[in-house]
Amino acid sequence: MYPTDAFAHPFIKARAMRALRDEPQKDQTIADQRAEIRRLREEIVRLQSRLKRANAENQDLREAREIARNSAEKADADFHVLAEVAKEFRAEAGLPKGELEKRFDRKRAERKKG
């Protein structure tokens, strides 16, 4: 006996028939929604792992940037010390201004070639 037999009113009967007719579609819709939820959960897991990797790479880059900054500061300090030593050396050697730099540039060019 179908549920529609129990109701005599045509509107109730029509609603019950629609419900019976739509039931398989409803089951399919629920299955589709569950599959979509499963797919979205998998996508979330993939995105979370990508985010973790990106954060780790970002941390590595921050550390490398800090090392580079420290190295640049040290090199800058070393350069200023070297410049002071060069001034003292030039004064002691009696070389004209710029002569020491020219010699340094020539030596550097020779090193790059060789």
N, C-alpha and C. Protein backbone atom coordinates (compact mmCIF):
# COMPACT_ATOMS: atom_id res chain seq x y z
N MET A 1 0.83 -1.18 0.00
CA MET A 1 0.00 0.00 0.00
C MET A 1 0.88 1.24 0.00
N TYR A 2 0.65 2.14 -0.92
CA TYR A 2 1.40 3.38 -1.02
C TYR A 2 0.84 4.42 -0.05
N PRO A 3 1.67 5.33 0.37
CA PRO A 3 1.18 6.37 1.28
C PRO A 3 0.09 7.23 0.62
N THR A 4 0.09 7.27 -0.70
CA THR A 4 -0.90 8.10 -1.40
C THR A 4 -2.31 7.52 -1.27
N ASP A 5 -2.42 6.22 -1.02
CA ASP A 5 -3.75 5.61 -0.89
C ASP A 5 -4.45 6.04 0.39
N ALA A 6 -3.66 6.43 1.38
CA ALA A 6 -4.24 6.77 2.67
C ALA A 6 -4.86 8.17 2.65
N PHE A 7 -4.48 8.98 1.69
CA PHE A 7 -4.97 10.35 1.67
C PHE A 7 -5.90 10.55 0.47
N ALA A 8 -7.05 11.06 0.74
CA ALA A 8 -8.02 11.23 -0.33
C ALA A 8 -7.91 12.59 -0.99
N HIS A 9 -7.42 13.58 -0.29
CA HIS A 9 -7.37 14.92 -0.85
C HIS A 9 -6.35 14.96 -1.99
N PRO A 10 -6.70 15.53 -3.16
CA PRO A 10 -5.80 15.52 -4.32
C PRO A 10 -4.48 16.25 -4.08
N PHE A 11 -4.50 17.35 -3.31
CA PHE A 11 -3.26 18.09 -3.06
C PHE A 11 -2.30 17.26 -2.21
N ILE A 12 -2.84 16.58 -1.21
CA ILE A 12 -2.00 15.74 -0.35
C ILE A 12 -1.49 14.56 -1.17
N LYS A 13 -2.35 14.02 -2.00
CA LYS A 13 -1.96 12.89 -2.85
C LYS A 13 -0.85 13.32 -3.82
N ALA A 14 -0.99 14.50 -4.43
CA ALA A 14 0.02 15.01 -5.36
C ALA A 14 1.35 15.24 -4.66
N ARG A 15 1.29 15.81 -3.45
CA ARG A 15 2.52 16.06 -2.69
C ARG A 15 3.20 14.74 -2.34
N ALA A 16 2.42 13.75 -1.96
CA ALA A 16 2.99 12.45 -1.62
C ALA A 16 3.61 11.79 -2.86
N MET A 17 2.96 11.92 -3.99
CA MET A 17 3.50 11.35 -5.22
C MET A 17 4.81 12.03 -5.62
N ARG A 18 4.85 13.36 -5.48
CA ARG A 18 6.09 14.10 -5.78
C ARG A 18 7.21 13.64 -4.85
N ALA A 19 6.88 13.45 -3.59
CA ALA A 19 7.89 13.01 -2.61
C ALA A 19 8.42 11.64 -2.99
N LEU A 20 7.54 10.75 -3.40
CA LEU A 20 8.00 9.42 -3.82
C LEU A 20 8.83 9.49 -5.09
N ARG A 21 8.41 10.33 -6.01
CA ARG A 21 9.12 10.47 -7.27
C ARG A 21 10.50 11.10 -7.05
N ASP A 22 10.60 12.06 -6.13
CA ASP A 22 11.85 12.79 -5.88
C ASP A 22 12.78 12.05 -4.94
N GLU A 23 12.32 11.00 -4.29
CA GLU A 23 13.14 10.28 -3.32
C GLU A 23 14.47 9.77 -3.91
N PRO A 24 14.48 9.11 -5.07
CA PRO A 24 15.76 8.66 -5.62
C PRO A 24 16.70 9.83 -5.93
N GLN A 25 16.14 10.94 -6.41
CA GLN A 25 16.97 12.11 -6.69
C GLN A 25 17.55 12.66 -5.39
N LYS A 26 16.76 12.62 -4.34
CA LYS A 26 17.21 13.11 -3.05
C LYS A 26 18.38 12.26 -2.56
N ASP A 27 18.25 10.93 -2.71
CA ASP A 27 19.35 10.04 -2.31
C ASP A 27 20.60 10.32 -3.13
N GLN A 28 20.42 10.55 -4.41
CA GLN A 28 21.57 10.86 -5.28
C GLN A 28 22.19 12.20 -4.89
N THR A 29 21.34 13.16 -4.57
CA THR A 29 21.84 14.48 -4.15
C THR A 29 22.64 14.34 -2.87
N ILE A 30 22.15 13.56 -1.93
CA ILE A 30 22.87 13.35 -0.67
C ILE A 30 24.21 12.67 -0.95
N ALA A 31 24.21 11.67 -1.82
CA ALA A 31 25.46 10.99 -2.17
C ALA A 31 26.44 11.96 -2.84
N ASP A 32 25.91 12.81 -3.72
CA ASP A 32 26.76 13.81 -4.38
C ASP A 32 27.33 14.79 -3.36
N GLN A 33 26.50 15.21 -2.42
CA GLN A 33 26.97 16.14 -1.40
C GLN A 33 28.03 15.50 -0.52
N ARG A 34 27.84 14.23 -0.18
CA ARG A 34 28.85 13.53 0.63
C ARG A 34 30.16 13.40 -0.13
N ALA A 35 30.06 13.10 -1.41
CA ALA A 35 31.27 12.99 -2.23
C ALA A 35 31.97 14.35 -2.32
N GLU A 36 31.20 15.41 -2.46
CA GLU A 36 31.77 16.76 -2.52
C GLU A 36 32.43 17.12 -1.20
N ILE A 37 31.80 16.76 -0.08
CA ILE A 37 32.39 17.01 1.24
C ILE A 37 33.70 16.25 1.37
N ARG A 38 33.72 15.00 0.94
CA ARG A 38 34.94 14.18 1.00
C ARG A 38 36.05 14.82 0.16
N ARG A 39 35.67 15.26 -1.06
CA ARG A 39 36.64 15.89 -1.94
C ARG A 39 37.17 17.19 -1.32
N LEU A 40 36.30 17.96 -0.71
CA LEU A 40 36.73 19.22 -0.08
C LEU A 40 37.64 18.96 1.11
N ARG A 41 37.35 17.91 1.87
CA ARG A 41 38.23 17.57 3.00
C ARG A 41 39.62 17.20 2.50
N GLU A 42 39.67 16.41 1.44
CA GLU A 42 40.97 16.04 0.86
C GLU A 42 41.71 17.28 0.37
N GLU A 43 40.98 18.19 -0.26
CA GLU A 43 41.59 19.44 -0.74
C GLU A 43 42.11 20.27 0.43
N ILE A 44 41.37 20.31 1.52
CA ILE A 44 41.81 21.03 2.71
C ILE A 44 43.11 20.44 3.24
N VAL A 45 43.19 19.11 3.29
CA VAL A 45 44.41 18.45 3.77
C VAL A 45 45.59 18.80 2.86
N ARG A 46 45.36 18.76 1.53
CA ARG A 46 46.42 19.12 0.58
C ARG A 46 46.86 20.57 0.77
N LEU A 47 45.91 21.46 0.92
CA LEU A 47 46.25 22.87 1.10
C LEU A 47 46.97 23.12 2.41
N GLN A 48 46.58 22.40 3.46
CA GLN A 48 47.26 22.55 4.74
C GLN A 48 48.71 22.09 4.64
N SER A 49 48.95 20.99 3.93
CA SER A 49 50.34 20.52 3.78
C SER A 49 51.14 21.51 2.94
N ARG A 50 50.51 22.08 1.89
CA ARG A 50 51.21 23.10 1.10
C ARG A 50 51.51 24.33 1.94
N LEU A 51 50.59 24.70 2.81
CA LEU A 51 50.80 25.85 3.69
C LEU A 51 51.96 25.59 4.65
N LYS A 52 52.02 24.37 5.20
CA LYS A 52 53.12 24.02 6.10
C LYS A 52 54.46 24.11 5.37
N ARG A 53 54.49 23.57 4.12
CA ARG A 53 55.73 23.65 3.35
C ARG A 53 56.11 25.09 3.06
N ALA A 54 55.12 25.89 2.67
CA ALA A 54 55.38 27.30 2.36
C ALA A 54 55.87 28.04 3.60
N ASN A 55 55.29 27.74 4.75
CA ASN A 55 55.74 28.39 5.98
C ASN A 55 57.17 27.99 6.31
N ALA A 56 57.50 26.72 6.10
CA ALA A 56 58.87 26.26 6.36
C ALA A 56 59.85 26.95 5.41
N GLU A 57 59.48 27.04 4.12
CA GLU A 57 60.33 27.73 3.16
C GLU A 57 60.47 29.20 3.51
N ASN A 58 59.37 29.81 3.94
CA ASN A 58 59.39 31.21 4.33
C ASN A 58 60.32 31.42 5.52
N GLN A 59 60.27 30.50 6.48
CA GLN A 59 61.16 30.59 7.63
C GLN A 59 62.62 30.47 7.18
N ASP A 60 62.89 29.53 6.27
CA ASP A 60 64.25 29.38 5.74
C ASP A 60 64.71 30.66 5.06
N LEU A 61 63.81 31.28 4.29
CA LEU A 61 64.16 32.53 3.61
C LEU A 61 64.42 33.65 4.61
N ARG A 62 63.62 33.71 5.67
CA ARG A 62 63.85 34.73 6.70
C ARG A 62 65.21 34.55 7.34
N GLU A 63 65.55 33.29 7.64
CA GLU A 63 66.85 33.01 8.25
C GLU A 63 67.98 33.36 7.28
N ALA A 64 67.81 33.02 6.01
CA ALA A 64 68.84 33.34 5.01
C ALA A 64 68.98 34.86 4.86
N ARG A 65 67.86 35.57 4.88
CA ARG A 65 67.90 37.03 4.77
C ARG A 65 68.63 37.64 5.97
N GLU A 66 68.38 37.09 7.16
CA GLU A 66 69.04 37.57 8.36
C GLU A 66 70.55 37.32 8.29
N ILE A 67 70.92 36.13 7.81
CA ILE A 67 72.34 35.82 7.65
C ILE A 67 72.98 36.77 6.64
N ALA A 68 72.27 37.00 5.52
CA ALA A 68 72.80 37.92 4.50
C ALA A 68 72.94 39.33 5.05
N ARG A 69 71.94 39.77 5.82
CA ARG A 69 72.00 41.11 6.41
C ARG A 69 73.19 41.22 7.36
N ASN A 70 73.37 40.19 8.20
CA ASN A 70 74.50 40.21 9.13
C ASN A 70 75.83 40.20 8.37
N SER A 71 75.89 39.40 7.30
CA SER A 71 77.11 39.34 6.50
C SER A 71 77.38 40.68 5.83
N ALA A 72 76.33 41.31 5.34
CA ALA A 72 76.49 42.62 4.68
C ALA A 72 76.95 43.67 5.69
N GLU A 73 76.39 43.63 6.89
CA GLU A 73 76.81 44.58 7.92
C GLU A 73 78.28 44.36 8.29
N LYS A 74 78.66 43.07 8.40
CA LYS A 74 80.05 42.75 8.73
C LYS A 74 80.98 43.19 7.60
N ALA A 75 80.57 42.93 6.35
CA ALA A 75 81.38 43.33 5.21
C ALA A 75 81.51 44.84 5.14
N ASP A 76 80.43 45.54 5.45
CA ASP A 76 80.45 47.01 5.45
C ASP A 76 81.42 47.52 6.52
N ALA A 77 81.34 46.90 7.69
CA ALA A 77 82.26 47.30 8.77
C ALA A 77 83.70 46.99 8.37
N ASP A 78 83.92 45.81 7.77
CA ASP A 78 85.26 45.44 7.32
C ASP A 78 85.75 46.42 6.25
N PHE A 79 84.85 46.83 5.37
CA PHE A 79 85.24 47.78 4.31
C PHE A 79 85.69 49.10 4.91
N HIS A 80 84.97 49.59 5.92
CA HIS A 80 85.35 50.86 6.54
C HIS A 80 86.71 50.74 7.23
N VAL A 81 86.93 49.60 7.88
CA VAL A 81 88.23 49.37 8.52
C VAL A 81 89.32 49.33 7.44
N LEU A 82 89.04 48.62 6.35
CA LEU A 82 90.01 48.53 5.26
C LEU A 82 90.29 49.91 4.65
N ALA A 83 89.26 50.73 4.53
CA ALA A 83 89.44 52.08 3.98
C ALA A 83 90.33 52.92 4.90
N GLU A 84 90.13 52.77 6.20
CA GLU A 84 90.99 53.51 7.15
C GLU A 84 92.44 53.04 7.05
N VAL A 85 92.61 51.74 6.94
CA VAL A 85 93.97 51.19 6.81
C VAL A 85 94.61 51.68 5.51
N ALA A 86 93.82 51.72 4.43
CA ALA A 86 94.33 52.18 3.14
C ALA A 86 94.74 53.64 3.22
N LYS A 87 93.96 54.47 3.92
CA LYS A 87 94.33 55.89 4.08
C LYS A 87 95.65 56.01 4.82
N GLU A 88 95.77 55.23 5.90
CA GLU A 88 97.02 55.28 6.68
C GLU A 88 98.20 54.80 5.83
N PHE A 89 97.99 53.72 5.08
CA PHE A 89 99.05 53.17 4.24
C PHE A 89 99.46 54.19 3.17
N ARG A 90 98.44 54.82 2.54
CA ARG A 90 98.73 55.82 1.51
C ARG A 90 99.52 56.98 2.10
N ALA A 91 99.14 57.41 3.30
CA ALA A 91 99.85 58.52 3.94
C ALA A 91 101.29 58.12 4.26
N GLU A 92 101.49 56.88 4.76
CA GLU A 92 102.82 56.41 5.09
C GLU A 92 103.67 56.22 3.84
N ALA A 93 103.05 55.72 2.77
CA ALA A 93 103.79 55.43 1.54
C ALA A 93 104.02 56.69 0.71
N GLY A 94 103.27 57.73 1.00
CA GLY A 94 103.42 58.97 0.25
C GLY A 94 102.83 58.89 -1.15
N LEU A 95 101.87 58.02 -1.36
CA LEU A 95 101.24 57.88 -2.67
C LEU A 95 100.22 59.00 -2.88
N PRO A 96 100.06 59.44 -4.13
CA PRO A 96 99.03 60.44 -4.39
C PRO A 96 97.63 59.83 -4.22
N LYS A 97 96.68 60.70 -3.99
CA LYS A 97 95.31 60.24 -3.76
C LYS A 97 94.79 59.51 -5.00
N GLY A 98 94.18 58.34 -4.79
CA GLY A 98 93.63 57.57 -5.90
C GLY A 98 94.59 56.51 -6.43
N GLU A 99 95.88 56.64 -6.16
CA GLU A 99 96.87 55.68 -6.67
C GLU A 99 96.65 54.29 -6.06
N LEU A 100 96.37 54.24 -4.77
CA LEU A 100 96.14 52.95 -4.09
C LEU A 100 94.89 52.27 -4.66
N GLU A 101 93.85 53.05 -4.93
CA GLU A 101 92.62 52.49 -5.48
C GLU A 101 92.86 51.92 -6.88
N LYS A 102 93.69 52.61 -7.66
CA LYS A 102 94.01 52.12 -9.01
C LYS A 102 94.74 50.79 -8.93
N ARG A 103 95.68 50.69 -8.03
CA ARG A 103 96.42 49.44 -7.86
C ARG A 103 95.47 48.32 -7.41
N PHE A 104 94.59 48.66 -6.48
CA PHE A 104 93.62 47.68 -6.00
C PHE A 104 92.73 47.19 -7.14
N ASP A 105 92.25 48.12 -7.98
CA ASP A 105 91.40 47.76 -9.11
C ASP A 105 92.15 46.87 -10.10
N ARG A 106 93.44 47.18 -10.34
CA ARG A 106 94.23 46.35 -11.26
C ARG A 106 94.40 44.94 -10.71
N LYS A 107 94.69 44.83 -9.42
CA LYS A 107 94.86 43.51 -8.80
C LYS A 107 93.55 42.72 -8.84
N ARG A 108 92.46 43.39 -8.59
CA ARG A 108 91.15 42.71 -8.62
C ARG A 108 90.85 42.23 -10.04
N ALA A 109 91.15 43.05 -11.04
CA ALA A 109 90.92 42.65 -12.43
C ALA A 109 91.79 41.45 -12.80
N GLU A 110 93.04 41.44 -12.33
CA GLU A 110 93.92 40.31 -12.59
C GLU A 110 93.37 39.02 -11.95
N ARG A 111 92.85 39.14 -10.75
CA ARG A 111 92.29 37.97 -10.07
C ARG A 111 91.09 37.42 -10.81
N LYS A 112 90.23 38.32 -11.30
CA LYS A 112 89.05 37.88 -12.03
C LYS A 112 89.43 37.17 -13.32
N LYS A 113 90.46 37.65 -14.00
CA LYS A 113 90.91 37.01 -15.24
C LYS A 113 91.53 35.65 -14.95
N GLY A 114 92.36 35.60 -13.93
CA GLY A 114 93.12 34.38 -13.63
C GLY A 114 92.36 33.46 -12.80
